[in-house]
Amino acid sequence: MKEAIHPNYEAAVIKCACGEVIDTRSTKKEIKVEICSKCHPFFTGKQKLVDSGGRVTKFNKKFGLTQSGQG
């Protein structure tokens, strides 16, 4: 590697809006994020299925599925 052209790779802190703090290494000393794995709905299991324009209902009607998932 060439000397004096690469940024320093040192200890860094990632701070989430939910309050989670993660220690890592980066070229930046501090990184601020809005969503992390502790508060993201996909990882917490609180994600909801959004029926945009009745597509899920239309699919269920077409293929005879009920809310319980069995036809």
PDB file of N, CA and C in Angstrom:
ATOM      1  N   MET A   1       0.841  -1.187   0.000  1.00  0.00           N
ATOM      2  CA  MET A   1       0.000   0.000   0.000  1.00  0.00           C
ATOM      3  C   MET A   1       0.884   1.247   0.000  1.00  0.00           C
ATOM      4  N   LYS A   2       0.370   2.266  -0.627  1.00  0.00           N
ATOM      5  CA  LYS A   2       1.098   3.531  -0.626  1.00  0.00           C
ATOM      6  C   LYS A   2       0.945   4.197   0.731  1.00  0.00           C
ATOM      7  N   GLU A   3       1.975   4.888   1.138  1.00  0.00           N
ATOM      8  CA  GLU A   3       1.969   5.584   2.416  1.00  0.00           C
ATOM      9  C   GLU A   3       1.199   6.893   2.327  1.00  0.00           C
ATOM     10  N   ALA A   4       0.522   7.261   3.404  1.00  0.00           N
ATOM     11  CA  ALA A   4      -0.123   8.569   3.602  1.00  0.00           C
ATOM     12  C   ALA A   4      -1.307   8.846   2.678  1.00  0.00           C
ATOM     13  N   ILE A   5      -1.905   7.823   2.039  1.00  0.00           N
ATOM     14  CA  ILE A   5      -3.092   8.101   1.231  1.00  0.00           C
ATOM     15  C   ILE A   5      -4.331   7.389   1.774  1.00  0.00           C
ATOM     16  N   HIS A   6      -4.145   6.464   2.712  1.00  0.00           N
ATOM     17  CA  HIS A   6      -5.257   5.705   3.254  1.00  0.00           C
ATOM     18  C   HIS A   6      -5.703   6.296   4.586  1.00  0.00           C
ATOM     19  N   PRO A   7      -7.016   6.327   4.858  1.00  0.00           N
ATOM     20  CA  PRO A   7      -7.486   6.839   6.150  1.00  0.00           C
ATOM     21  C   PRO A   7      -7.136   5.864   7.277  1.00  0.00           C
ATOM     22  N   ASN A   8      -7.055   6.383   8.485  1.00  0.00           N
ATOM     23  CA  ASN A   8      -6.744   5.547   9.644  1.00  0.00           C
ATOM     24  C   ASN A   8      -7.937   4.660   9.978  1.00  0.00           C
ATOM     25  N   TYR A   9      -7.683   3.398  10.238  1.00  0.00           N
ATOM     26  CA  TYR A   9      -8.700   2.420  10.606  1.00  0.00           C
ATOM     27  C   TYR A   9      -8.561   2.183  12.098  1.00  0.00           C
ATOM     28  N   GLU A  10      -9.491   2.738  12.877  1.00  0.00           N
ATOM     29  CA  GLU A  10      -9.350   2.697  14.330  1.00  0.00           C
ATOM     30  C   GLU A  10     -10.676   2.365  15.002  1.00  0.00           C
ATOM     31  N   ALA A  11     -10.664   2.279  16.318  1.00  0.00           N
ATOM     32  CA  ALA A  11     -11.867   1.954  17.089  1.00  0.00           C
ATOM     33  C   ALA A  11     -12.944   2.999  16.838  1.00  0.00           C
ATOM     34  N   ALA A  12     -14.194   2.522  16.716  1.00  0.00           N
ATOM     35  CA  ALA A  12     -15.317   3.417  16.449  1.00  0.00           C
ATOM     36  C   ALA A  12     -16.530   2.974  17.253  1.00  0.00           C
ATOM     37  N   VAL A  13     -17.507   3.862  17.350  1.00  0.00           N
ATOM     38  CA  VAL A  13     -18.735   3.580  18.081  1.00  0.00           C
ATOM     39  C   VAL A  13     -19.910   3.839  17.151  1.00  0.00           C
ATOM     40  N   ILE A  14     -20.835   2.876  17.086  1.00  0.00           N
ATOM     41  CA  ILE A  14     -22.070   3.056  16.329  1.00  0.00           C
ATOM     42  C   ILE A  14     -23.177   3.299  17.345  1.00  0.00           C
ATOM     43  N   LYS A  15     -23.901   4.425  17.193  1.00  0.00           N
ATOM     44  CA  LYS A  15     -24.982   4.766  18.112  1.00  0.00           C
ATOM     45  C   LYS A  15     -26.301   4.777  17.356  1.00  0.00           C
ATOM     46  N   CYS A  16     -27.269   4.009  17.883  1.00  0.00           N
ATOM     47  CA  CYS A  16     -28.594   3.935  17.281  1.00  0.00           C
ATOM     48  C   CYS A  16     -29.527   4.922  17.981  1.00  0.00           C
ATOM     49  N   ALA A  17     -30.601   5.308  17.307  1.00  0.00           N
ATOM     50  CA  ALA A  17     -31.593   6.211  17.889  1.00  0.00           C
ATOM     51  C   ALA A  17     -32.290   5.570  19.083  1.00  0.00           C
ATOM     52  N   CYS A  18     -32.343   4.230  19.146  1.00  0.00           N
ATOM     53  CA  CYS A  18     -33.000   3.540  20.263  1.00  0.00           C
ATOM     54  C   CYS A  18     -32.120   3.510  21.511  1.00  0.00           C
ATOM     55  N   GLY A  19     -30.854   3.899  21.380  1.00  0.00           N
ATOM     56  CA  GLY A  19     -29.950   3.920  22.519  1.00  0.00           C
ATOM     57  C   GLY A  19     -28.894   2.830  22.498  1.00  0.00           C
ATOM     58  N   GLU A  20     -28.986   1.919  21.566  1.00  0.00           N
ATOM     59  CA  GLU A  20     -28.011   0.831  21.443  1.00  0.00           C
ATOM     60  C   GLU A  20     -26.652   1.399  21.023  1.00  0.00           C
ATOM     61  N   VAL A  21     -25.580   0.922  21.665  1.00  0.00           N
ATOM     62  CA  VAL A  21     -24.221   1.349  21.340  1.00  0.00           C
ATOM     63  C   VAL A  21     -23.421   0.114  20.960  1.00  0.00           C
ATOM     64  N   ILE A  22     -22.779   0.159  19.801  1.00  0.00           N
ATOM     65  CA  ILE A  22     -22.001  -0.973  19.294  1.00  0.00           C
ATOM     66  C   ILE A  22     -20.568  -0.515  19.066  1.00  0.00           C
ATOM     67  N   ASP A  23     -19.618  -1.232  19.647  1.00  0.00           N
ATOM     68  CA  ASP A  23     -18.203  -0.929  19.439  1.00  0.00           C
ATOM     69  C   ASP A  23     -17.698  -1.721  18.240  1.00  0.00           C
ATOM     70  N   THR A  24     -17.002  -1.046  17.350  1.00  0.00           N
ATOM     71  CA  THR A  24     -16.469  -1.684  16.143  1.00  0.00           C
ATOM     72  C   THR A  24     -15.224  -0.940  15.705  1.00  0.00           C
ATOM     73  N   ARG A  25     -14.816  -1.152  14.477  1.00  0.00           N
ATOM     74  CA  ARG A  25     -13.676  -0.420  13.902  1.00  0.00           C
ATOM     75  C   ARG A  25     -14.109   0.186  12.579  1.00  0.00           C
ATOM     76  N   SER A  26     -13.628   1.390  12.312  1.00  0.00           N
ATOM     77  CA  SER A  26     -14.001   2.083  11.090  1.00  0.00           C
ATOM     78  C   SER A  26     -13.017   3.210  10.829  1.00  0.00           C
ATOM     79  N   THR A  27     -13.191   3.858   9.690  1.00  0.00           N
ATOM     80  CA  THR A  27     -12.384   5.032   9.392  1.00  0.00           C
ATOM     81  C   THR A  27     -12.992   6.285  10.026  1.00  0.00           C
ATOM     82  N   LYS A  28     -14.227   6.176  10.499  1.00  0.00           N
ATOM     83  CA  LYS A  28     -14.887   7.269  11.225  1.00  0.00           C
ATOM     84  C   LYS A  28     -14.928   6.912  12.704  1.00  0.00           C
ATOM     85  N   LYS A  29     -14.835   7.882  13.581  1.00  0.00           N
ATOM     86  CA  LYS A  29     -14.825   7.619  15.017  1.00  0.00           C
ATOM     87  C   LYS A  29     -16.215   7.336  15.561  1.00  0.00           C
ATOM     88  N   GLU A  30     -17.247   7.981  14.988  1.00  0.00           N
ATOM     89  CA  GLU A  30     -18.610   7.795  15.474  1.00  0.00           C
ATOM     90  C   GLU A  30     -19.568   7.724  14.289  1.00  0.00           C
ATOM     91  N   ILE A  31     -20.491   6.752  14.344  1.00  0.00           N
ATOM     92  CA  ILE A  31     -21.489   6.574  13.293  1.00  0.00           C
ATOM     93  C   ILE A  31     -22.853   6.568  13.964  1.00  0.00           C
ATOM     94  N   LYS A  32     -23.776   7.392  13.477  1.00  0.00           N
ATOM     95  CA  LYS A  32     -25.121   7.458  14.035  1.00  0.00           C
ATOM     96  C   LYS A  32     -26.100   6.842  13.037  1.00  0.00           C
ATOM     97  N   VAL A  33     -26.929   5.909  13.520  1.00  0.00           N
ATOM     98  CA  VAL A  33     -27.924   5.250  12.675  1.00  0.00           C
ATOM     99  C   VAL A  33     -29.305   5.397  13.314  1.00  0.00           C
ATOM    100  N   GLU A  34     -30.341   5.267  12.498  1.00  0.00           N
ATOM    101  CA  GLU A  34     -31.702   5.398  13.002  1.00  0.00           C
ATOM    102  C   GLU A  34     -32.280   4.058  13.442  1.00  0.00           C
ATOM    103  N   ILE A  35     -31.891   2.972  12.782  1.00  0.00           N
ATOM    104  CA  ILE A  35     -32.440   1.651  13.078  1.00  0.00           C
ATOM    105  C   ILE A  35     -31.296   0.639  13.136  1.00  0.00           C
ATOM    106  N   CYS A  36     -31.341  -0.206  14.177  1.00  0.00           N
ATOM    107  CA  CYS A  36     -30.352  -1.281  14.310  1.00  0.00           C
ATOM    108  C   CYS A  36     -31.083  -2.611  14.457  1.00  0.00           C
ATOM    109  N   SER A  37     -30.354  -3.690  14.644  1.00  0.00           N
ATOM    110  CA  SER A  37     -30.978  -5.007  14.757  1.00  0.00           C
ATOM    111  C   SER A  37     -31.767  -5.167  16.053  1.00  0.00           C
ATOM    112  N   LYS A  38     -31.544  -4.327  17.037  1.00  0.00           N
ATOM    113  CA  LYS A  38     -32.282  -4.402  18.303  1.00  0.00           C
ATOM    114  C   LYS A  38     -33.671  -3.770  18.186  1.00  0.00           C
ATOM    115  N   CYS A  39     -33.850  -2.815  17.257  1.00  0.00           N
ATOM    116  CA  CYS A  39     -35.133  -2.110  17.178  1.00  0.00           C
ATOM    117  C   CYS A  39     -35.834  -2.269  15.826  1.00  0.00           C
ATOM    118  N   HIS A  40     -35.203  -2.899  14.845  1.00  0.00           N
ATOM    119  CA  HIS A  40     -35.833  -3.070  13.529  1.00  0.00           C
ATOM    120  C   HIS A  40     -36.961  -4.098  13.615  1.00  0.00           C
ATOM    121  N   PRO A  41     -38.138  -3.793  13.058  1.00  0.00           N
ATOM    122  CA  PRO A  41     -39.286  -4.706  13.145  1.00  0.00           C
ATOM    123  C   PRO A  41     -39.016  -6.101  12.586  1.00  0.00           C
ATOM    124  N   PHE A  42     -38.201  -6.230  11.576  1.00  0.00           N
ATOM    125  CA  PHE A  42     -37.907  -7.536  10.996  1.00  0.00           C
ATOM    126  C   PHE A  42     -37.193  -8.438  12.004  1.00  0.00           C
ATOM    127  N   PHE A  43     -36.257  -7.870  12.759  1.00  0.00           N
ATOM    128  CA  PHE A  43     -35.479  -8.651  13.708  1.00  0.00           C
ATOM    129  C   PHE A  43     -36.187  -8.834  15.045  1.00  0.00           C
ATOM    130  N   THR A  44     -37.092  -7.923  15.407  1.00  0.00           N
ATOM    131  CA  THR A  44     -37.783  -8.020  16.698  1.00  0.00           C
ATOM    132  C   THR A  44     -39.037  -8.871  16.617  1.00  0.00           C
ATOM    133  N   GLY A  45     -39.489  -9.221  15.403  1.00  0.00           N
ATOM    134  CA  GLY A  45     -40.675 -10.042  15.242  1.00  0.00           C
ATOM    135  C   GLY A  45     -41.968  -9.255  15.285  1.00  0.00           C
ATOM    136  N   LYS A  46     -41.892  -7.952  15.241  1.00  0.00           N
ATOM    137  CA  LYS A  46     -43.077  -7.101  15.300  1.00  0.00           C
ATOM    138  C   LYS A  46     -43.491  -6.587  13.928  1.00  0.00           C
ATOM    139  N   GLN A  47     -42.924  -7.169  12.878  1.00  0.00           N
ATOM    140  CA  GLN A  47     -43.249  -6.749  11.526  1.00  0.00           C
ATOM    141  C   GLN A  47     -44.653  -7.205  11.160  1.00  0.00           C
ATOM    142  N   LYS A  48     -45.411  -6.319  10.537  1.00  0.00           N
ATOM    143  CA  LYS A  48     -46.773  -6.634  10.148  1.00  0.00           C
ATOM    144  C   LYS A  48     -46.860  -6.719   8.628  1.00  0.00           C
ATOM    145  N   LEU A  49     -47.742  -7.569   8.147  1.00  0.00           N
ATOM    146  CA  LEU A  49     -47.977  -7.691   6.724  1.00  0.00           C
ATOM    147  C   LEU A  49     -48.888  -6.550   6.295  1.00  0.00           C
ATOM    148  N   VAL A  50     -48.427  -5.733   5.378  1.00  0.00           N
ATOM    149  CA  VAL A  50     -49.206  -4.592   4.915  1.00  0.00           C
ATOM    150  C   VAL A  50     -49.923  -4.994   3.639  1.00  0.00           C
ATOM    151  N   ASP A  51     -51.235  -4.889   3.647  1.00  0.00           N
ATOM    152  CA  ASP A  51     -52.054  -5.236   2.487  1.00  0.00           C
ATOM    153  C   ASP A  51     -52.267  -3.973   1.668  1.00  0.00           C
ATOM    154  N   SER A  52     -51.401  -3.770   0.681  1.00  0.00           N
ATOM    155  CA  SER A  52     -51.509  -2.567  -0.136  1.00  0.00           C
ATOM    156  C   SER A  52     -52.461  -2.813  -1.297  1.00  0.00           C
ATOM    157  N   GLY A  53     -53.563  -2.141  -1.276  1.00  0.00           N
ATOM    158  CA  GLY A  53     -54.531  -2.231  -2.367  1.00  0.00           C
ATOM    159  C   GLY A  53     -55.304  -3.528  -2.396  1.00  0.00           C
ATOM    160  N   GLY A  54     -55.382  -4.255  -1.292  1.00  0.00           N
ATOM    161  CA  GLY A  54     -56.159  -5.479  -1.239  1.00  0.00           C
ATOM    162  C   GLY A  54     -55.527  -6.651  -1.964  1.00  0.00           C
ATOM    163  N   ARG A  55     -54.241  -6.608  -2.218  1.00  0.00           N
ATOM    164  CA  ARG A  55     -53.572  -7.676  -2.973  1.00  0.00           C
ATOM    165  C   ARG A  55     -53.576  -8.997  -2.222  1.00  0.00           C
ATOM    166  N   VAL A  56     -53.363  -8.941  -0.903  1.00  0.00           N
ATOM    167  CA  VAL A  56     -53.349 -10.171  -0.115  1.00  0.00           C
ATOM    168  C   VAL A  56     -54.744 -10.785  -0.105  1.00  0.00           C
ATOM    169  N   THR A  57     -55.759  -9.948   0.081  1.00  0.00           N
ATOM    170  CA  THR A  57     -57.143 -10.429   0.080  1.00  0.00           C
ATOM    171  C   THR A  57     -57.503 -11.040  -1.273  1.00  0.00           C
ATOM    172  N   LYS A  58     -57.104 -10.376  -2.342  1.00  0.00           N
ATOM    173  CA  LYS A  58     -57.371 -10.871  -3.696  1.00  0.00           C
ATOM    174  C   LYS A  58     -56.693 -12.229  -3.913  1.00  0.00           C
ATOM    175  N   PHE A  59     -55.452 -12.358  -3.455  1.00  0.00           N
ATOM    176  CA  PHE A  59     -54.722 -13.616  -3.582  1.00  0.00           C
ATOM    177  C   PHE A  59     -55.432 -14.724  -2.800  1.00  0.00           C
ATOM    178  N   ASN A  60     -55.838 -14.403  -1.568  1.00  0.00           N
ATOM    179  CA  ASN A  60     -56.517 -15.396  -0.735  1.00  0.00           C
ATOM    180  C   ASN A  60     -57.837 -15.832  -1.356  1.00  0.00           C
ATOM    181  N   LYS A  61     -58.583 -14.905  -1.960  1.00  0.00           N
ATOM    182  CA  LYS A  61     -59.845 -15.243  -2.626  1.00  0.00           C
ATOM    183  C   LYS A  61     -59.593 -16.163  -3.821  1.00  0.00           C
ATOM    184  N   LYS A  62     -58.589 -15.814  -4.599  1.00  0.00           N
ATOM    185  CA  LYS A  62     -58.294 -16.561  -5.826  1.00  0.00           C
ATOM    186  C   LYS A  62     -57.881 -17.992  -5.526  1.00  0.00           C
ATOM    187  N   PHE A  63     -57.100 -18.190  -4.474  1.00  0.00           N
ATOM    188  CA  PHE A  63     -56.577 -19.508  -4.179  1.00  0.00           C
ATOM    189  C   PHE A  63     -57.291 -20.180  -3.003  1.00  0.00           C
ATOM    190  N   GLY A  64     -58.378 -19.571  -2.513  1.00  0.00           N
ATOM    191  CA  GLY A  64     -59.218 -20.177  -1.483  1.00  0.00           C
ATOM    192  C   GLY A  64     -58.595 -20.281  -0.127  1.00  0.00           C
ATOM    193  N   LEU A  65     -57.678 -19.389   0.209  1.00  0.00           N
ATOM    194  CA  LEU A  65     -57.045 -19.423   1.526  1.00  0.00           C
ATOM    195  C   LEU A  65     -57.860 -18.609   2.516  1.00  0.00           C
ATOM    196  N   THR A  66     -57.891 -19.056   3.763  1.00  0.00           N
ATOM    197  CA  THR A  66     -58.565 -18.310   4.822  1.00  0.00           C
ATOM    198  C   THR A  66     -57.524 -17.595   5.663  1.00  0.00           C
ATOM    199  N   GLN A  67     -57.963 -16.854   6.661  1.00  0.00           N
ATOM    200  CA  GLN A  67     -57.043 -16.134   7.550  1.00  0.00           C
ATOM    201  C   GLN A  67     -56.125 -17.082   8.298  1.00  0.00           C
ATOM    202  N   SER A  68     -56.581 -18.294   8.597  1.00  0.00           N
ATOM    203  CA  SER A  68     -55.744 -19.240   9.328  1.00  0.00           C
ATOM    204  C   SER A  68     -54.661 -19.850   8.445  1.00  0.00           C
ATOM    205  N   GLY A  69     -54.749 -19.624   7.132  1.00  0.00           N
ATOM    206  CA  GLY A  69     -53.739 -20.132   6.215  1.00  0.00           C
ATOM    207  C   GLY A  69     -54.067 -21.478   5.630  1.00  0.00           C
ATOM    208  N   GLN A  70     -55.233 -22.037   5.952  1.00  0.00           N
ATOM    209  CA  GLN A  70     -55.618 -23.339   5.400  1.00  0.00           C
ATOM    210  C   GLN A  70     -56.895 -23.166   4.600  1.00  0.00           C
ATOM    211  N   GLY A  71     -56.962 -23.756   3.428  1.00  0.00           N
ATOM    212  CA  GLY A  71     -58.097 -23.572   2.544  1.00  0.00           C
ATOM    213  C   GLY A  71     -59.148 -24.525   2.678  1.00  0.00           C
TER     214      GLY A  71
END
